[in-house]
Amino acid sequence: MELQSTTAEETSAEVRARVEAAYAIQLKRQGKVNARLNNKEMNLHCELPPAELQFLARASEKLSLSPRSYHRVIKVARTISDLNAAPQISLNELKEALNYRAFERLLSQLTQY
């Protein structure tokens, strides 16, 4: 595993531009940010292709995700897609969102007294 990358990192200005573009995409598409979508709006704006839907169903079962967590993973994946200027949620973006969820769960377990 390589600990140091030789590729150029994004500058703060480039990251800010991507975030602003993703925000604009969300407002244009649905009039609000992804985190504020209700279930009906999610079905409309966060539709998963069949393979990604199957993957999430398996992951949800293995990770024992609650319905709330399941929907949250989809919203995070949609946001990652928006940051990548992708029109649809990909498997990689879904995996990244699940990684964030798993990491959040691990941190929660580590900080319990």
N, C-alpha and C. Protein backbone atom coordinates (compact mmCIF):
# COMPACT_ATOMS: atom_id res chain seq x y z
N MET A 1 0.84 -1.18 0.00
CA MET A 1 0.00 0.00 0.00
C MET A 1 0.89 1.24 0.00
N GLU A 2 0.60 2.13 -0.89
CA GLU A 2 1.37 3.37 -1.01
C GLU A 2 0.79 4.42 -0.08
N LEU A 3 1.62 4.95 0.79
CA LEU A 3 1.15 5.94 1.76
C LEU A 3 1.28 7.37 1.26
N GLN A 4 2.11 7.56 0.26
CA GLN A 4 2.27 8.90 -0.30
C GLN A 4 1.91 8.85 -1.78
N SER A 5 1.06 9.76 -2.15
CA SER A 5 0.63 9.82 -3.55
C SER A 5 1.51 10.78 -4.33
N THR A 6 1.74 10.43 -5.57
CA THR A 6 2.52 11.32 -6.44
C THR A 6 1.61 12.17 -7.31
N THR A 7 0.30 11.92 -7.23
CA THR A 7 -0.64 12.72 -8.02
C THR A 7 -0.96 14.01 -7.28
N ALA A 8 -1.25 15.03 -8.04
CA ALA A 8 -1.56 16.33 -7.46
C ALA A 8 -2.92 16.27 -6.75
N GLU A 9 -2.98 16.86 -5.59
CA GLU A 9 -4.22 16.93 -4.83
C GLU A 9 -5.04 18.13 -5.29
N GLU A 10 -6.33 18.08 -5.01
CA GLU A 10 -7.19 19.22 -5.33
C GLU A 10 -6.87 20.38 -4.39
N THR A 11 -6.91 21.57 -4.91
CA THR A 11 -6.74 22.74 -4.07
C THR A 11 -8.06 23.03 -3.36
N SER A 12 -8.00 23.85 -2.34
CA SER A 12 -9.22 24.25 -1.62
C SER A 12 -10.19 24.93 -2.57
N ALA A 13 -9.68 25.73 -3.48
CA ALA A 13 -10.54 26.42 -4.44
C ALA A 13 -11.25 25.42 -5.36
N GLU A 14 -10.55 24.37 -5.76
CA GLU A 14 -11.16 23.35 -6.62
C GLU A 14 -12.24 22.57 -5.87
N VAL A 15 -11.97 22.25 -4.62
CA VAL A 15 -12.97 21.55 -3.81
C VAL A 15 -14.19 22.44 -3.62
N ARG A 16 -13.96 23.70 -3.31
CA ARG A 16 -15.07 24.63 -3.12
C ARG A 16 -15.92 24.73 -4.39
N ALA A 17 -15.28 24.78 -5.54
CA ALA A 17 -16.01 24.86 -6.81
C ALA A 17 -16.85 23.60 -7.03
N ARG A 18 -16.32 22.43 -6.70
CA ARG A 18 -17.09 21.18 -6.84
C ARG A 18 -18.28 21.16 -5.90
N VAL A 19 -18.09 21.62 -4.66
CA VAL A 19 -19.18 21.66 -3.69
C VAL A 19 -20.26 22.64 -4.14
N GLU A 20 -19.86 23.80 -4.61
CA GLU A 20 -20.84 24.79 -5.09
C GLU A 20 -21.59 24.26 -6.31
N ALA A 21 -20.89 23.56 -7.20
CA ALA A 21 -21.54 22.98 -8.38
C ALA A 21 -22.54 21.90 -7.96
N ALA A 22 -22.16 21.06 -7.00
CA ALA A 22 -23.06 20.00 -6.52
C ALA A 22 -24.30 20.61 -5.87
N TYR A 23 -24.11 21.67 -5.10
CA TYR A 23 -25.23 22.37 -4.46
C TYR A 23 -26.17 22.92 -5.53
N ALA A 24 -25.62 23.52 -6.55
CA ALA A 24 -26.43 24.08 -7.64
C ALA A 24 -27.19 22.97 -8.38
N ILE A 25 -26.54 21.84 -8.60
CA ILE A 25 -27.19 20.70 -9.25
C ILE A 25 -28.40 20.25 -8.43
N GLN A 26 -28.23 20.15 -7.12
CA GLN A 26 -29.31 19.70 -6.25
C GLN A 26 -30.49 20.68 -6.27
N LEU A 27 -30.19 21.95 -6.18
CA LEU A 27 -31.25 22.95 -6.19
C LEU A 27 -32.00 22.97 -7.52
N LYS A 28 -31.26 22.81 -8.61
CA LYS A 28 -31.89 22.80 -9.93
C LYS A 28 -32.75 21.55 -10.12
N ARG A 29 -32.26 20.40 -9.66
CA ARG A 29 -32.95 19.14 -9.86
C ARG A 29 -34.21 19.04 -8.99
N GLN A 30 -34.11 19.42 -7.71
CA GLN A 30 -35.21 19.14 -6.80
C GLN A 30 -35.61 20.30 -5.90
N GLY A 31 -34.93 21.44 -6.02
CA GLY A 31 -35.31 22.61 -5.24
C GLY A 31 -34.84 22.59 -3.80
N LYS A 32 -34.05 21.62 -3.42
CA LYS A 32 -33.52 21.50 -2.05
C LYS A 32 -32.31 20.59 -2.07
N VAL A 33 -31.58 20.59 -0.96
CA VAL A 33 -30.41 19.70 -0.88
C VAL A 33 -30.86 18.27 -0.63
N ASN A 34 -30.00 17.32 -0.96
CA ASN A 34 -30.34 15.90 -0.85
C ASN A 34 -30.75 15.49 0.56
N ALA A 35 -30.12 16.05 1.56
CA ALA A 35 -30.40 15.68 2.94
C ALA A 35 -31.85 15.98 3.33
N ARG A 36 -32.50 16.89 2.64
CA ARG A 36 -33.87 17.30 2.96
C ARG A 36 -34.95 16.54 2.17
N LEU A 37 -34.54 15.60 1.34
CA LEU A 37 -35.51 14.85 0.54
C LEU A 37 -36.34 13.91 1.40
N ASN A 38 -37.65 13.86 1.14
CA ASN A 38 -38.48 12.86 1.81
C ASN A 38 -38.47 11.58 0.96
N ASN A 39 -39.13 10.54 1.42
CA ASN A 39 -39.08 9.25 0.72
C ASN A 39 -39.62 9.33 -0.71
N LYS A 40 -40.70 10.04 -0.91
CA LYS A 40 -41.28 10.17 -2.24
C LYS A 40 -40.30 10.88 -3.19
N GLU A 41 -39.68 11.95 -2.70
CA GLU A 41 -38.70 12.69 -3.50
C GLU A 41 -37.45 11.85 -3.77
N MET A 42 -37.07 11.04 -2.80
CA MET A 42 -35.91 10.16 -3.00
C MET A 42 -36.18 9.17 -4.13
N ASN A 43 -37.38 8.61 -4.15
CA ASN A 43 -37.73 7.67 -5.22
C ASN A 43 -37.64 8.33 -6.58
N LEU A 44 -37.92 9.60 -6.64
CA LEU A 44 -37.89 10.33 -7.90
C LEU A 44 -36.48 10.74 -8.31
N HIS A 45 -35.70 11.23 -7.35
CA HIS A 45 -34.40 11.83 -7.67
C HIS A 45 -33.18 10.95 -7.37
N CYS A 46 -33.38 9.87 -6.65
CA CYS A 46 -32.25 9.01 -6.25
C CYS A 46 -32.46 7.58 -6.70
N GLU A 47 -33.08 7.40 -7.82
CA GLU A 47 -33.36 6.05 -8.31
C GLU A 47 -32.05 5.31 -8.58
N LEU A 48 -32.00 4.08 -8.07
CA LEU A 48 -30.81 3.25 -8.25
C LEU A 48 -31.00 2.28 -9.41
N PRO A 49 -29.97 2.09 -10.23
CA PRO A 49 -30.04 1.05 -11.27
C PRO A 49 -30.20 -0.32 -10.60
N PRO A 50 -30.72 -1.31 -11.32
CA PRO A 50 -30.99 -2.63 -10.71
C PRO A 50 -29.79 -3.26 -9.99
N ALA A 51 -28.62 -3.24 -10.58
CA ALA A 51 -27.44 -3.86 -9.94
C ALA A 51 -27.10 -3.15 -8.64
N GLU A 52 -27.17 -1.83 -8.63
CA GLU A 52 -26.86 -1.05 -7.42
C GLU A 52 -27.93 -1.29 -6.35
N LEU A 53 -29.18 -1.42 -6.78
CA LEU A 53 -30.26 -1.69 -5.84
C LEU A 53 -30.08 -3.05 -5.18
N GLN A 54 -29.70 -4.05 -5.96
CA GLN A 54 -29.42 -5.38 -5.41
C GLN A 54 -28.26 -5.34 -4.44
N PHE A 55 -27.19 -4.64 -4.82
CA PHE A 55 -26.03 -4.52 -3.95
C PHE A 55 -26.41 -3.89 -2.62
N LEU A 56 -27.17 -2.80 -2.66
CA LEU A 56 -27.57 -2.11 -1.44
C LEU A 56 -28.47 -2.99 -0.58
N ALA A 57 -29.35 -3.75 -1.21
CA ALA A 57 -30.22 -4.66 -0.45
C ALA A 57 -29.39 -5.70 0.31
N ARG A 58 -28.39 -6.27 -0.37
CA ARG A 58 -27.51 -7.26 0.28
C ARG A 58 -26.70 -6.60 1.41
N ALA A 59 -26.16 -5.44 1.12
CA ALA A 59 -25.36 -4.73 2.13
C ALA A 59 -26.22 -4.34 3.33
N SER A 60 -27.43 -3.90 3.05
CA SER A 60 -28.35 -3.50 4.10
C SER A 60 -28.66 -4.67 5.03
N GLU A 61 -28.85 -5.83 4.44
CA GLU A 61 -29.13 -7.03 5.23
C GLU A 61 -27.91 -7.43 6.06
N LYS A 62 -26.74 -7.45 5.43
CA LYS A 62 -25.52 -7.87 6.14
C LYS A 62 -25.13 -6.89 7.24
N LEU A 63 -25.36 -5.59 7.00
CA LEU A 63 -24.99 -4.57 7.98
C LEU A 63 -26.13 -4.24 8.94
N SER A 64 -27.28 -4.89 8.74
CA SER A 64 -28.47 -4.64 9.57
C SER A 64 -28.82 -3.15 9.61
N LEU A 65 -28.89 -2.54 8.44
CA LEU A 65 -29.23 -1.13 8.38
C LEU A 65 -30.71 -0.92 8.68
N SER A 66 -31.00 0.08 9.46
CA SER A 66 -32.39 0.45 9.69
C SER A 66 -32.90 1.15 8.44
N PRO A 67 -34.22 1.28 8.29
CA PRO A 67 -34.74 2.02 7.12
C PRO A 67 -34.18 3.44 7.05
N ARG A 68 -34.02 4.06 8.20
CA ARG A 68 -33.47 5.42 8.21
C ARG A 68 -32.03 5.44 7.69
N SER A 69 -31.23 4.48 8.15
CA SER A 69 -29.84 4.39 7.69
C SER A 69 -29.77 4.06 6.20
N TYR A 70 -30.64 3.18 5.75
CA TYR A 70 -30.72 2.79 4.34
C TYR A 70 -30.95 4.03 3.47
N HIS A 71 -31.93 4.85 3.86
CA HIS A 71 -32.23 6.06 3.09
C HIS A 71 -31.10 7.08 3.20
N ARG A 72 -30.48 7.13 4.34
CA ARG A 72 -29.37 8.07 4.52
C ARG A 72 -28.20 7.71 3.61
N VAL A 73 -27.93 6.40 3.47
CA VAL A 73 -26.85 5.94 2.59
C VAL A 73 -27.16 6.38 1.15
N ILE A 74 -28.40 6.24 0.73
CA ILE A 74 -28.78 6.64 -0.63
C ILE A 74 -28.58 8.14 -0.82
N LYS A 75 -28.98 8.94 0.17
CA LYS A 75 -28.81 10.40 0.06
C LYS A 75 -27.34 10.79 -0.01
N VAL A 76 -26.51 10.12 0.78
CA VAL A 76 -25.07 10.41 0.74
C VAL A 76 -24.49 10.00 -0.61
N ALA A 77 -24.91 8.85 -1.12
CA ALA A 77 -24.44 8.40 -2.44
C ALA A 77 -24.87 9.38 -3.53
N ARG A 78 -26.09 9.91 -3.43
CA ARG A 78 -26.57 10.90 -4.40
C ARG A 78 -25.71 12.15 -4.32
N THR A 79 -25.33 12.56 -3.12
CA THR A 79 -24.48 13.74 -2.95
C THR A 79 -23.09 13.49 -3.54
N ILE A 80 -22.54 12.30 -3.31
CA ILE A 80 -21.23 11.96 -3.90
C ILE A 80 -21.34 12.01 -5.42
N SER A 81 -22.44 11.49 -5.97
CA SER A 81 -22.66 11.55 -7.42
C SER A 81 -22.70 13.00 -7.90
N ASP A 82 -23.37 13.84 -7.14
CA ASP A 82 -23.44 15.26 -7.52
C ASP A 82 -22.05 15.90 -7.47
N LEU A 83 -21.25 15.54 -6.48
CA LEU A 83 -19.88 16.07 -6.41
C LEU A 83 -19.05 15.62 -7.60
N ASN A 84 -19.37 14.45 -8.14
CA ASN A 84 -18.68 13.92 -9.32
C ASN A 84 -19.36 14.35 -10.62
N ALA A 85 -20.41 15.16 -10.51
CA ALA A 85 -21.19 15.62 -11.66
C ALA A 85 -21.74 14.43 -12.46
N ALA A 86 -22.10 13.37 -11.75
CA ALA A 86 -22.65 12.18 -12.39
C ALA A 86 -24.18 12.22 -12.36
N PRO A 87 -24.82 11.88 -13.46
CA PRO A 87 -26.29 11.96 -13.50
C PRO A 87 -26.98 10.86 -12.69
N GLN A 88 -26.27 9.77 -12.43
CA GLN A 88 -26.88 8.63 -11.73
C GLN A 88 -25.90 8.10 -10.69
N ILE A 89 -26.43 7.49 -9.64
CA ILE A 89 -25.60 6.92 -8.59
C ILE A 89 -24.93 5.65 -9.12
N SER A 90 -23.62 5.58 -8.99
CA SER A 90 -22.87 4.41 -9.44
C SER A 90 -22.59 3.47 -8.26
N LEU A 91 -22.14 2.29 -8.58
CA LEU A 91 -21.79 1.32 -7.54
C LEU A 91 -20.67 1.84 -6.66
N ASN A 92 -19.66 2.49 -7.25
CA ASN A 92 -18.56 3.04 -6.46
C ASN A 92 -19.03 4.11 -5.49
N GLU A 93 -19.95 4.94 -5.93
CA GLU A 93 -20.47 6.00 -5.06
C GLU A 93 -21.30 5.40 -3.92
N LEU A 94 -22.03 4.34 -4.23
CA LEU A 94 -22.80 3.64 -3.21
C LEU A 94 -21.87 2.98 -2.19
N LYS A 95 -20.80 2.37 -2.66
CA LYS A 95 -19.82 1.77 -1.76
C LYS A 95 -19.16 2.82 -0.88
N GLU A 96 -18.86 3.97 -1.44
CA GLU A 96 -18.25 5.05 -0.65
C GLU A 96 -19.21 5.50 0.45
N ALA A 97 -20.47 5.64 0.12
CA ALA A 97 -21.47 6.05 1.12
C ALA A 97 -21.60 4.99 2.22
N LEU A 98 -21.56 3.72 1.85
CA LEU A 98 -21.62 2.65 2.85
C LEU A 98 -20.37 2.66 3.73
N ASN A 99 -19.23 2.98 3.16
CA ASN A 99 -18.01 3.09 3.95
C ASN A 99 -18.13 4.18 5.01
N TYR A 100 -18.72 5.30 4.63
CA TYR A 100 -18.92 6.37 5.61
C TYR A 100 -19.84 5.91 6.73
N ARG A 101 -20.88 5.16 6.37
CA ARG A 101 -21.82 4.64 7.38
C ARG A 101 -21.11 3.66 8.32
N ALA A 102 -20.32 2.76 7.75
CA ALA A 102 -19.60 1.79 8.57
C ALA A 102 -18.60 2.49 9.49
N PHE A 103 -17.92 3.51 8.97
CA PHE A 103 -16.96 4.25 9.77
C PHE A 103 -17.67 4.99 10.90
N GLU A 104 -18.82 5.58 10.60
CA GLU A 104 -19.61 6.29 11.60
C GLU A 104 -20.03 5.32 12.72
N ARG A 105 -20.43 4.11 12.34
CA ARG A 105 -20.83 3.09 13.32
C ARG A 105 -19.64 2.69 14.19
N LEU A 106 -18.48 2.51 13.56
CA LEU A 106 -17.28 2.15 14.30
C LEU A 106 -16.90 3.24 15.31
N LEU A 107 -16.94 4.48 14.89
CA LEU A 107 -16.61 5.58 15.80
C LEU A 107 -17.59 5.63 16.96
N SER A 108 -18.84 5.37 16.68
CA SER A 108 -19.86 5.36 17.73
C SER A 108 -19.54 4.29 18.77
N GLN A 109 -19.13 3.11 18.31
CA GLN A 109 -18.78 2.02 19.21
C GLN A 109 -17.53 2.34 20.02
N LEU A 110 -16.58 3.01 19.41
CA LEU A 110 -15.34 3.33 20.10
C LEU A 110 -15.52 4.40 21.18
N THR A 111 -16.52 5.26 21.00
CA THR A 111 -16.71 6.36 21.93
C THR A 111 -17.75 6.06 23.01
N GLN A 112 -18.30 4.84 23.02
CA GLN A 112 -19.26 4.47 24.06
C GLN A 112 -18.51 4.20 25.36
N TYR A 113 -19.11 4.59 26.45
CA TYR A 113 -18.49 4.37 27.75
C TYR A 113 -19.19 3.26 28.49
